[in-house]
């Protein structure tokens, strides 16, 4: 391998491809599943609160473990022919009393068939909010949906 003009020597062939090109977002429940369309971005966070507890009269420390909790959001475009909108979340996801839909993000290797994929799976998904935005110069309408979830599995 030759050294480039900046002094780097590297293989010009990539070691792997990281892409969301062939990725899908599927939201499901007992009544079936829907594929999200025109998603521009999504975000999830799953956390467990942990607090330090100290004992009076000693140097010992203990961990107080909290319960895990998750939250997420999607921003997508809406308009004629862009899919089911908020209805892409199944009825279970909009019913906090009897709800809890599933959600699966499948992330692939883009257009490279030799690259693997992995799934991010959420359980107990319940929609907590929906909002819409528009700016005249963009000539588009945006939809923002937020949710809470109870479980996160990677695999």
Protein backbone atom coordinates (compact mmCIF):
# COMPACT_ATOMS: atom_id res chain seq x y z
CA UNK A 1 0.00 0.00 0.00
CA UNK A 2 1.21 3.44 -0.85
CA UNK A 3 1.31 6.40 1.50
CA UNK A 4 -1.01 9.25 0.48
CA UNK A 5 -0.09 12.95 0.42
CA UNK A 6 -1.04 13.36 4.08
CA UNK A 7 1.09 10.44 5.27
CA UNK A 8 -1.70 7.89 5.69
CA UNK A 9 -1.36 4.29 4.64
CA UNK A 10 -4.68 2.54 4.48
CA UNK A 11 -6.52 -0.08 2.52
CA UNK A 12 -8.77 1.60 -0.05
CA UNK A 13 -11.36 -1.16 0.39
CA UNK A 14 -13.80 -0.48 3.26
CA UNK A 15 -13.79 -2.82 6.24
CA UNK A 16 -17.58 -2.48 6.38
CA UNK A 17 -20.48 -0.32 5.30
CA UNK A 18 -22.62 1.61 7.76
CA UNK A 19 -25.84 2.79 6.15
CA UNK A 20 -29.53 3.13 6.83
CA UNK A 21 -30.41 2.86 3.15
CA UNK A 22 -32.28 -0.47 3.40
CA UNK A 23 -33.47 0.00 6.97
CA UNK A 24 -37.10 -0.38 8.01
CA UNK A 25 -39.22 0.70 10.95
CA UNK A 26 -42.11 -1.65 11.70
CA UNK A 27 -44.75 -0.90 14.34
CA UNK A 28 -46.89 -3.85 15.33
CA UNK A 29 -49.61 -5.09 17.59
CA UNK A 30 -52.19 -7.85 17.85
CA UNK A 31 -54.08 -6.46 14.84
CA UNK A 32 -51.05 -6.50 12.51
CA UNK A 33 -48.09 -4.31 11.66
CA UNK A 34 -47.38 -1.11 9.74
CA UNK A 35 -44.20 0.09 8.06
CA UNK A 36 -43.36 3.73 8.76
CA UNK A 37 -42.95 5.89 5.65
CA UNK A 38 -41.08 9.14 4.93
CA UNK A 39 -39.30 9.03 8.28
CA UNK A 40 -36.69 11.79 8.34
CA UNK A 41 -35.22 10.96 11.75
CA UNK A 42 -35.94 8.91 14.83
CA UNK A 43 -34.47 8.73 18.29
CA UNK A 44 -34.76 6.39 21.28
CA UNK A 45 -33.30 6.49 24.76
CA UNK A 46 -33.44 3.67 27.32
CA UNK A 47 -32.10 4.33 30.77
CA UNK A 48 -31.99 3.03 34.30
CA UNK A 49 -31.61 5.44 37.19
CA UNK A 50 -28.81 4.55 39.60
CA UNK A 51 -28.20 6.47 42.80
CA UNK A 52 -25.35 6.27 45.31
CA UNK A 53 -26.36 5.58 48.93
CA UNK A 54 -23.89 6.07 51.76
CA UNK A 55 -23.95 4.63 55.26
CA UNK A 56 -23.67 6.93 58.26
CA UNK A 57 -20.37 6.48 60.09
CA UNK A 58 -18.58 4.48 57.37
CA UNK A 59 -16.98 4.85 53.96
CA UNK A 60 -19.17 2.16 52.39
CA UNK A 61 -21.21 3.00 49.32
CA UNK A 62 -24.22 1.16 47.94
CA UNK A 63 -26.06 1.44 44.62
CA UNK A 64 -29.81 2.03 44.63
CA UNK A 65 -31.07 0.60 41.36
CA UNK A 66 -34.06 2.13 39.61
CA UNK A 67 -36.36 0.64 37.01
CA UNK A 68 -35.54 0.96 33.31
CA UNK A 69 -37.59 3.34 31.21
CA UNK A 70 -37.52 4.32 27.56
CA UNK A 71 -38.66 7.17 25.35
CA UNK A 72 -38.53 7.80 21.63
CA UNK A 73 -39.61 10.07 18.83
CA UNK A 74 -40.07 10.11 15.07
CA UNK A 75 -40.09 13.05 12.70
CA UNK A 76 -41.61 12.35 9.29
CA UNK A 77 -43.17 14.12 6.32
CA UNK A 78 -46.89 13.88 5.65
CA UNK A 79 -49.11 14.62 2.69
CA UNK A 80 -51.21 12.94 0.06
CA UNK A 81 -50.07 9.36 -0.43
CA UNK A 82 -47.45 9.36 2.35
CA UNK A 83 -48.91 6.56 4.41
CA UNK A 84 -51.03 6.19 7.51
CA UNK A 85 -49.51 9.00 9.62
CA UNK A 86 -50.28 8.66 13.32
CA UNK A 87 -52.27 5.56 12.38
CA UNK A 88 -48.98 3.82 11.57
CA UNK A 89 -49.01 3.23 15.33
CA UNK A 90 -51.43 0.38 15.92
CA UNK A 91 -54.42 0.72 18.27
CA UNK A 92 -52.42 -0.91 21.09
CA UNK A 93 -49.88 1.93 20.93
CA UNK A 94 -52.58 4.56 21.43
CA UNK A 95 -54.34 2.79 24.32
CA UNK A 96 -52.37 3.25 27.54
CA UNK A 97 -54.83 1.12 29.58
CA UNK A 98 -54.65 -1.99 27.38
CA UNK A 99 -51.79 -0.98 25.16
CA UNK A 100 -48.24 -1.74 24.47
CA UNK A 101 -47.36 -2.25 20.82
CA UNK A 102 -44.05 -3.54 19.51
CA UNK A 103 -41.60 -1.64 17.35
CA UNK A 104 -38.67 -2.97 15.36
CA UNK A 105 -35.89 -1.07 13.60
CA UNK A 106 -34.02 -3.27 11.15
CA UNK A 107 -30.72 -1.72 10.14
CA UNK A 108 -29.00 -3.13 7.08
CA UNK A 109 -25.72 -2.66 5.29
CA UNK A 110 -27.02 -0.32 2.62
CA UNK A 111 -26.68 -1.61 -0.94
CA UNK A 112 -23.93 -4.07 0.02
CA UNK A 113 -25.44 -7.54 0.23
CA UNK A 114 -22.37 -8.95 2.00
CA UNK A 115 -22.95 -6.69 5.01
CA UNK A 116 -24.99 -7.98 7.94
CA UNK A 117 -27.90 -6.36 9.71
CA UNK A 118 -29.22 -6.07 13.23
CA UNK A 119 -32.53 -5.30 14.93
CA UNK A 120 -33.49 -2.88 17.67
CA UNK A 121 -36.72 -4.17 19.22
CA UNK A 122 -38.98 -2.24 21.58
CA UNK A 123 -41.82 -3.65 23.67
CA UNK A 124 -44.69 -1.91 25.44
CA UNK A 125 -44.73 1.09 23.09
CA UNK A 126 -47.38 3.72 23.97
CA UNK A 127 -47.79 7.00 22.05
CA UNK A 128 -47.55 10.07 24.32
CA UNK A 129 -47.77 12.94 21.85
CA UNK A 130 -48.16 14.07 18.26
CA UNK A 131 -47.41 17.42 16.69
CA UNK A 132 -47.29 19.01 13.24
CA UNK A 133 -45.00 21.65 11.75
CA UNK A 134 -44.84 23.60 8.53
CA UNK A 135 -42.73 26.37 7.10
CA UNK A 136 -43.83 28.19 3.97
CA UNK A 137 -40.41 28.01 2.29
CA UNK A 138 -40.26 24.21 2.72
CA UNK A 139 -43.67 23.52 1.13
CA UNK A 140 -44.04 20.46 3.33
CA UNK A 141 -45.77 19.34 6.52
CA UNK A 142 -43.88 17.55 9.25
CA UNK A 143 -45.29 15.16 11.81
CA UNK A 144 -43.57 14.51 15.15
CA UNK A 145 -44.66 11.54 17.25
CA UNK A 146 -43.31 10.73 20.71
CA UNK A 147 -43.72 7.54 22.70
CA UNK A 148 -42.65 5.67 25.83
CA UNK A 149 -41.63 2.03 25.91
CA UNK A 150 -41.02 -0.63 28.55
CA UNK A 151 -38.42 -2.96 26.99
CA UNK A 152 -35.43 -2.75 24.65
CA UNK A 153 -33.74 -5.71 22.99
CA UNK A 154 -30.84 -5.62 20.53
CA UNK A 155 -30.27 -8.59 18.27
